[in-house]
Amino acid sequence: MLIQTRPGETVSAAHERLYRTLRTQIMHGELAPGAPLTLRGIGKSFGVSMTPAREAVRRLVAEGALTLSSSGRVSTPELSNERLEELASLRGLLEPELASRALPRAHFALIERMQKINAEIGEVVARGDAVAYIQKNLEFHRALYLRAQAPAMLAIAETVWLQLGPTMRSFYGRLGRTEPPQHHRMILAALRVGDEPALQLAVRTDVTQGLKFLAT
């Protein structure tokens, strides 16, 4: 994706657009684990100068989306088993709580929207599109969590997703998935009847099961 500096655009605005684009690509698994990045390469790919490229990388390193070695090498993270277990635990703590807070505001229109997203997940699974699968899976969860009205908690959850993006792409290739996650149906069923314990269990299992498999 090419990001050309727009006429009259400030360096800070170019940096923000580059940061947001790179962040989304990493979160959706468009970059594999351990993929190297250079400021020159980023600048050339996105049509920006070195300054916004440097600032975008600095912010993404601070969020754990990129790693910076002692030699100055920048790459996407290759997560250890211990790190995967830690991130799985964070998801297991944060996301059931977000789901519980969203439940009182989970009206019929939201459930319909989540059903539609889940159907779209089935379509991308049939195509074997790992990036689209990750994107739609996160969209399914985010649609629910936005109803929690807990922006600080959701921001932390999204930072966890960001760190996991490249690894989730690798995991999708190993999993050989042929249908949408079965726990999505359980999440939707719990929402329909307002069953909070069932909702928490379905969300916790959905967001941790695959990561625990990766760490074994």
Foldseek 3Di string as FASTA:
>chain_A
DAAAQDVPHDLVRSLVVLLVVVLLCLLLQVFAAFAWDDLVRSCVRHVHDSVSSVVSQVVCCVLLQWPADPVGIIGGHDDALVRLVVLLVLQLPLQLVLLLLLLVVCDPVLLVVLVVLQVVLLVVLQVLPSSVNSVSVVVSSVSRSVSSVPVVSVVNNSSSSSSCNNVSSVLSVVVSDNHGDPLSVQLSVCSVVVPSVSNSVSSSCVSNVSSNVVSD
